[in-house]
């Protein structure tokens, strides 16, 4: 198989895994009992997968700065070979798929960064990584994003809070707002995640600049949509439990805050983890100390488990490819 086709196949696999683990998180609150009267999974996953796919396509116009951050040439001191990028794609994909089958929500951004950085250290040594660029353009935004989400959802809640009068609730408007926030979150997830994956896919199309612009994004959009439909329910079931303490209005505000923060990051070229941003928004709107502690624990696990785990998978794939 030509290297271009092999690279695009690996990109499709990564985007499929991303859709399986991530797309359902955007609409997990829509799958809660009482939001839909019919079996909720398929309709909500279609909704999330569709808007994530649309976001993935339009990211080509919105998230150019984010695309440039995740090109291997930006993160590494030397331009790597195609086998390096294939191993990084495979490592991140395997980690995300393993987490999906175990029903564990993980950060795709941390998986991609971990696969690239640890594989580079393994193959090229410590000096092979652009550490200053990695720290200021990747690590700091990733670390600060969840805290920013907590602040954003608190401000949004204060600005939109209205006194409630018994008998004057508007369930239809609440329902529309809830579905709208789910769509906004899914769309923001698309414009945030697609450039990170497309940058790796474009590496295999450097000889065809016109294809390198649109083809990787198209592959990501299609794969994310199918991933959300095929396996999106697995992680969504886990996330639903984390939303159980929120009412429908709070879920809508958490989704809106997530969409605002993630979209701003995509426009500014600041890498953010949509998973952690959404968890931060839920913690901020819920206000429970136990939930905040649980959220902070989940954030630490992304750095202590997901990042090295994806890197180890990438190293193993590189070793196996060298053996073959």
Protein backbone atom coordinates (compact mmCIF):
# COMPACT_ATOMS: atom_id res chain seq x y z
CA UNK A 1 0.00 0.00 0.00
CA UNK A 2 1.43 3.47 -0.93
CA UNK A 3 2.51 5.49 2.09
CA UNK A 4 -0.12 8.17 1.38
CA UNK A 5 -2.96 5.66 1.53
CA UNK A 6 -1.49 3.96 4.57
CA UNK A 7 -1.19 7.30 6.34
CA UNK A 8 -4.79 8.26 5.55
CA UNK A 9 -5.97 4.85 6.76
CA UNK A 10 -4.13 5.43 10.04
CA UNK A 11 -5.70 8.91 10.26
CA UNK A 12 -9.15 7.42 9.69
CA UNK A 13 -8.55 4.94 12.52
CA UNK A 14 -7.48 7.70 14.91
CA UNK A 15 -10.47 9.89 14.02
CA UNK A 16 -12.81 6.90 14.35
CA UNK A 17 -11.43 6.27 17.84
CA UNK A 18 -11.78 9.97 18.63
CA UNK A 19 -15.43 9.92 17.59
CA UNK A 20 -16.06 6.74 19.57
CA UNK A 21 -14.61 8.16 22.78
CA UNK A 22 -15.40 11.87 22.42
CA UNK A 23 -18.54 12.51 20.39
CA UNK A 24 -20.84 10.83 22.88
CA UNK A 25 -19.50 13.03 25.69
CA UNK A 26 -20.92 16.12 23.98
CA UNK A 27 -24.46 14.73 24.04
CA UNK A 28 -24.31 12.46 27.09
CA UNK A 29 -26.62 14.78 29.04
CA UNK A 30 -29.17 14.49 26.21
CA UNK A 31 -29.26 10.74 26.80
CA UNK A 32 -30.37 11.13 30.41
CA UNK A 33 -33.81 9.78 31.36
CA UNK A 34 -36.54 12.35 30.81
CA UNK A 35 -34.81 14.23 28.02
CA UNK A 36 -36.01 11.81 25.37
CA UNK A 37 -39.16 9.70 25.67
CA UNK A 38 -37.93 7.13 23.13
CA UNK A 39 -34.72 5.09 23.42
CA UNK A 40 -32.29 8.00 23.45
CA UNK A 41 -28.93 6.73 22.30
CA UNK A 42 -29.26 6.70 18.53
CA UNK A 43 -30.92 10.10 18.14
CA UNK A 44 -28.54 11.87 20.51
CA UNK A 45 -25.46 10.21 18.98
CA UNK A 46 -26.62 11.16 15.49
CA UNK A 47 -27.00 14.73 16.71
CA UNK A 48 -23.54 14.80 18.29
CA UNK A 49 -21.82 12.97 15.46
CA UNK A 50 -23.35 15.24 12.83
CA UNK A 51 -22.27 18.49 14.47
CA UNK A 52 -18.84 17.11 15.35
CA UNK A 53 -18.42 16.17 11.69
CA UNK A 54 -19.54 19.62 10.54
CA UNK A 55 -17.10 21.18 12.98
CA UNK A 56 -14.32 18.95 11.67
CA UNK A 57 -14.89 20.15 8.11
CA UNK A 58 -15.23 23.84 8.94
CA UNK A 59 -12.10 23.67 11.10
CA UNK A 60 -10.17 24.14 7.89
CA UNK A 61 -11.42 27.75 7.87
CA UNK A 62 -11.40 28.40 11.62
CA UNK A 63 -8.53 26.53 13.23
CA UNK A 64 -5.52 27.16 11.02
CA UNK A 65 -3.36 28.21 13.97
CA UNK A 66 -4.16 25.00 15.81
CA UNK A 67 -3.24 22.97 12.73
CA UNK A 68 0.22 24.53 12.64
CA UNK A 69 0.83 23.74 16.32
CA UNK A 70 0.38 20.00 15.79
CA UNK A 71 2.45 19.52 12.67
CA UNK A 72 5.38 17.20 13.54
CA UNK A 73 7.78 19.86 12.23
CA UNK A 74 6.59 22.26 14.94
CA UNK A 75 6.92 19.86 17.85
CA UNK A 76 10.19 18.22 16.79
CA UNK A 77 13.60 19.65 15.95
CA UNK A 78 13.96 17.57 12.81
CA UNK A 79 11.39 16.52 10.24
CA UNK A 80 10.55 12.87 11.05
CA UNK A 81 10.04 10.03 8.61
CA UNK A 82 6.65 8.66 7.68
CA UNK A 83 7.19 5.64 9.92
CA UNK A 84 7.40 7.95 12.93
CA UNK A 85 4.06 9.59 12.18
CA UNK A 86 2.44 6.20 11.51
CA UNK A 87 3.65 4.89 14.87
CA UNK A 88 2.38 8.03 16.64
CA UNK A 89 -1.02 7.71 14.98
CA UNK A 90 -1.20 4.02 15.90
CA UNK A 91 -0.17 4.64 19.51
CA UNK A 92 -2.79 7.33 20.10
CA UNK A 93 -5.44 5.24 18.32
CA UNK A 94 -4.78 2.10 20.34
CA UNK A 95 -4.88 3.98 23.63
CA UNK A 96 -8.16 5.75 22.82
CA UNK A 97 -9.78 2.54 21.55
CA UNK A 98 -8.68 0.60 24.63
CA UNK A 99 -10.19 3.29 26.85
CA UNK A 100 -13.39 3.28 24.79
CA UNK A 101 -13.89 -0.45 25.17
CA UNK A 102 -13.27 -0.07 28.90
CA UNK A 103 -15.86 2.76 28.95
CA UNK A 104 -13.29 5.29 30.14
CA UNK A 105 -13.46 8.92 28.93
CA UNK A 106 -9.95 10.03 27.97
CA UNK A 107 -8.45 13.12 26.41
CA UNK A 108 -7.57 12.60 22.75
CA UNK A 109 -5.34 15.66 22.87
CA UNK A 110 -3.24 14.20 25.67
CA UNK A 111 -3.05 10.90 23.78
CA UNK A 112 -1.77 12.59 20.60
CA UNK A 113 0.77 14.71 22.48
CA UNK A 114 1.96 11.75 24.52
CA UNK A 115 2.38 9.55 21.46
CA UNK A 116 4.42 12.17 19.58
CA UNK A 117 6.60 13.37 22.44
CA UNK A 118 7.48 10.06 24.07
CA UNK A 119 8.16 8.42 20.72
CA UNK A 120 10.43 11.33 19.78
CA UNK A 121 12.36 11.00 23.06
CA UNK A 122 12.68 7.25 22.50
CA UNK A 123 13.98 7.59 18.93
CA UNK A 124 15.85 10.91 18.94
CA UNK A 125 16.62 11.59 22.60
CA UNK A 126 15.65 14.52 24.80
CA UNK A 127 17.11 16.99 22.31
CA UNK A 128 14.73 15.85 19.58
CA UNK A 129 11.76 17.75 21.04
CA UNK A 130 11.07 21.48 20.83
CA UNK A 131 10.56 21.75 24.58
CA UNK A 132 10.01 25.50 24.79
CA UNK A 133 7.39 25.38 22.03
CA UNK A 134 5.76 22.35 23.68
CA UNK A 135 5.60 24.08 27.06
CA UNK A 136 4.20 27.45 25.98
CA UNK A 137 2.01 26.43 23.02
CA UNK A 138 0.70 23.06 24.22
CA UNK A 139 1.21 22.25 27.91
CA UNK A 140 0.19 25.59 29.41
CA UNK A 141 -3.11 25.89 27.47
CA UNK A 142 -3.96 22.27 28.25
CA UNK A 143 -3.32 22.80 31.95
CA UNK A 144 -5.10 26.15 32.22
CA UNK A 145 -8.14 25.23 30.13
CA UNK A 146 -10.19 23.40 32.80
CA UNK A 147 -9.66 26.20 35.31
CA UNK A 148 -10.79 28.70 32.68
CA UNK A 149 -13.89 26.58 32.07
CA UNK A 150 -14.82 26.66 35.75
CA UNK A 151 -14.54 30.44 35.77
CA UNK A 152 -16.44 30.81 32.48
CA UNK A 153 -19.38 28.67 33.57
CA UNK A 154 -19.60 30.52 36.89
CA UNK A 155 -19.75 33.88 35.09
CA UNK A 156 -22.27 32.55 32.56
CA UNK A 157 -24.45 31.18 35.33
CA UNK A 158 -24.42 34.50 37.17
CA UNK A 159 -25.26 36.47 34.04
CA UNK A 160 -28.12 34.23 32.96
CA UNK A 161 -29.64 33.37 36.33
CA UNK A 162 -33.27 34.41 36.60
CA UNK A 163 -35.65 34.10 39.54
CA UNK A 164 -38.08 31.25 38.99
CA UNK A 165 -41.78 31.63 39.53
CA UNK A 166 -43.85 28.51 40.28
CA UNK A 167 -46.01 27.58 37.32
CA UNK A 168 -44.06 29.69 34.82
CA UNK A 169 -41.40 27.17 33.80
CA UNK A 170 -40.98 26.72 30.06
CA UNK A 171 -39.95 23.11 29.49
CA UNK A 172 -40.00 23.45 25.70
CA UNK A 173 -37.51 26.34 25.72
CA UNK A 174 -35.38 24.51 28.25
CA UNK A 175 -35.35 21.45 26.02
CA UNK A 176 -34.40 23.51 22.95
CA UNK A 177 -31.60 25.21 24.86
CA UNK A 178 -30.32 21.84 26.05
CA UNK A 179 -30.19 20.38 22.55
CA UNK A 180 -28.66 23.61 21.25
CA UNK A 181 -25.87 23.48 23.83
CA UNK A 182 -25.22 19.85 22.88
CA UNK A 183 -24.88 20.85 19.24
CA UNK A 184 -22.59 23.76 20.13
CA UNK A 185 -20.39 21.52 22.27
CA UNK A 186 -20.15 18.88 19.52
CA UNK A 187 -19.33 21.53 16.92
CA UNK A 188 -16.66 23.06 19.15
CA UNK A 189 -15.21 19.60 19.72
CA UNK A 190 -14.92 19.20 15.95
CA UNK A 191 -13.10 22.47 15.29
CA UNK A 192 -10.82 21.77 18.26
CA UNK A 193 -9.89 18.13 17.59
CA UNK A 194 -9.87 17.91 13.80
CA UNK A 195 -6.79 20.13 13.22
CA UNK A 196 -4.71 18.07 15.66
CA UNK A 197 -5.43 14.89 13.73
CA UNK A 198 -5.45 16.46 10.27
CA UNK A 199 -1.96 17.88 10.86
CA UNK A 200 -0.63 14.34 11.18
CA UNK A 201 -2.55 13.15 8.12
CA UNK A 202 -1.34 16.08 6.03
CA UNK A 203 2.24 14.94 6.64
CA UNK A 204 1.67 12.15 4.12
CA UNK A 205 0.37 14.57 1.47
CA UNK A 206 3.17 17.13 1.41
CA UNK A 207 3.80 16.29 -2.24
CA UNK A 208 0.20 17.28 -3.07
CA UNK A 209 -0.42 20.65 -1.37
CA UNK A 210 -3.97 20.98 -2.67
CA UNK A 211 -4.99 17.62 -1.20
CA UNK A 212 -3.11 18.33 2.02
CA UNK A 213 -5.48 21.25 2.66
CA UNK A 214 -8.87 19.55 2.49
CA UNK A 215 -8.43 15.76 2.32
CA UNK A 216 -7.29 15.12 5.94
CA UNK A 217 -10.17 17.19 7.32
CA UNK A 218 -12.66 15.27 5.17
CA UNK A 219 -11.27 11.94 6.37
CA UNK A 220 -11.51 13.10 9.99
CA UNK A 221 -15.11 14.33 9.58
CA UNK A 222 -16.35 11.05 8.11
CA UNK A 223 -14.45 8.87 10.59
CA UNK A 224 -15.59 10.86 13.62
CA UNK A 225 -19.21 10.56 12.54
CA UNK A 226 -19.05 6.78 12.11
CA UNK A 227 -17.05 6.36 15.31
CA UNK A 228 -19.74 8.18 17.28
CA UNK A 229 -22.50 5.98 15.83
CA UNK A 230 -20.71 2.65 16.21
CA UNK A 231 -19.10 3.00 19.65
CA UNK A 232 -20.14 6.41 20.97
CA UNK A 233 -22.63 4.98 23.45
CA UNK A 234 -19.97 3.15 25.46
CA UNK A 235 -18.25 6.16 27.00
CA UNK A 236 -21.45 8.23 27.00
CA UNK A 237 -22.96 5.80 29.51
CA UNK A 238 -20.10 6.54 31.91
CA UNK A 239 -20.35 10.29 31.41
CA UNK A 240 -24.11 10.23 32.03
CA UNK A 241 -23.43 9.24 35.63
CA UNK A 242 -21.33 12.39 36.09
CA UNK A 243 -24.23 14.54 34.87
CA UNK A 244 -26.82 13.00 37.17
CA UNK A 245 -26.48 15.70 39.85
CA UNK A 246 -27.26 18.51 37.35
CA UNK A 247 -30.67 19.60 36.19
CA UNK A 248 -31.42 20.31 32.53
CA UNK A 249 -30.72 24.05 32.79
CA UNK A 250 -27.36 23.44 34.45
CA UNK A 251 -26.40 20.92 31.77
CA UNK A 252 -27.26 23.47 29.09
CA UNK A 253 -25.08 26.12 30.73
CA UNK A 254 -22.20 23.69 31.16
CA UNK A 255 -22.42 22.79 27.48
CA UNK A 256 -22.57 26.43 26.42
CA UNK A 257 -19.54 27.33 28.53
CA UNK A 258 -17.63 24.37 27.09
CA UNK A 259 -18.46 25.45 23.55
CA UNK A 260 -17.38 29.05 24.21
CA UNK A 261 -14.03 28.15 25.81
CA UNK A 262 -13.14 25.43 23.29
CA UNK A 263 -14.13 27.57 20.31
CA UNK A 264 -12.03 30.47 21.60
CA UNK A 265 -9.07 28.14 21.98
CA UNK A 266 -9.49 26.84 18.42
CA UNK A 267 -9.63 30.38 17.02
CA UNK A 268 -6.56 31.49 18.97
CA UNK A 269 -4.56 28.33 18.26
CA UNK A 270 -4.50 27.26 21.92
CA UNK A 271 -4.71 23.46 22.30
CA UNK A 272 -7.42 22.49 24.76
CA UNK A 273 -8.82 19.18 25.89
CA UNK A 274 -12.56 19.30 25.24
CA UNK A 275 -13.01 16.41 27.64
CA UNK A 276 -11.37 18.28 30.49
CA UNK A 277 -13.06 21.58 29.57
CA UNK A 278 -16.45 19.88 29.77
CA UNK A 279 -15.57 18.28 33.10
CA UNK A 280 -14.45 21.66 34.40
CA UNK A 281 -17.72 23.25 33.28
CA UNK A 282 -19.78 20.55 34.98
CA UNK A 283 -17.79 20.96 38.19
CA UNK A 284 -18.13 24.73 38.07
CA UNK A 285 -21.87 24.73 37.55
CA UNK A 286 -22.47 21.94 40.08
CA UNK A 287 -20.43 23.56 42.80
CA UNK A 288 -20.07 20.43 44.90
CA UNK A 289 -16.70 19.97 46.57
CA UNK A 290 -16.76 16.22 45.90
CA UNK A 291 -17.41 16.81 42.21
CA UNK A 292 -14.59 19.35 41.97
CA UNK A 293 -12.20 16.90 43.63
CA UNK A 294 -13.28 14.14 41.25
CA UNK A 295 -12.78 16.46 38.28
CA UNK A 296 -9.30 17.47 39.41
CA UNK A 297 -8.43 13.81 39.88
CA UNK A 298 -9.55 13.08 36.32
CA UNK A 299 -7.40 15.92 35.03
CA UNK A 300 -4.34 14.56 36.80
CA UNK A 301 -4.97 11.10 35.38
CA UNK A 302 -4.82 12.52 31.85
CA UNK A 303 -1.27 13.72 32.52
CA UNK A 304 -0.12 10.76 34.61
CA UNK A 305 -1.79 7.93 32.67
CA UNK A 306 -3.08 8.92 29.23
CA UNK A 307 -0.01 10.86 28.12
CA UNK A 308 2.57 8.14 28.96
CA UNK A 309 0.18 5.32 28.04
CA UNK A 310 -0.27 6.55 24.47
CA UNK A 311 3.48 7.13 24.26
CA UNK A 312 4.23 3.55 25.29
CA UNK A 313 1.82 2.26 22.65
CA UNK A 314 3.54 4.44 20.02
CA UNK A 315 6.97 3.16 21.05
CA UNK A 316 5.73 -0.43 20.86
CA UNK A 317 4.32 0.15 17.38
CA UNK A 318 7.58 1.73 16.25
CA UNK A 319 9.54 -1.24 17.61
CA UNK A 320 7.22 -3.73 15.89
CA UNK A 321 7.45 -1.91 12.55
CA UNK A 322 11.25 -1.94 12.79
CA UNK A 323 11.18 -5.68 13.51
CA UNK A 324 8.99 -6.30 10.47
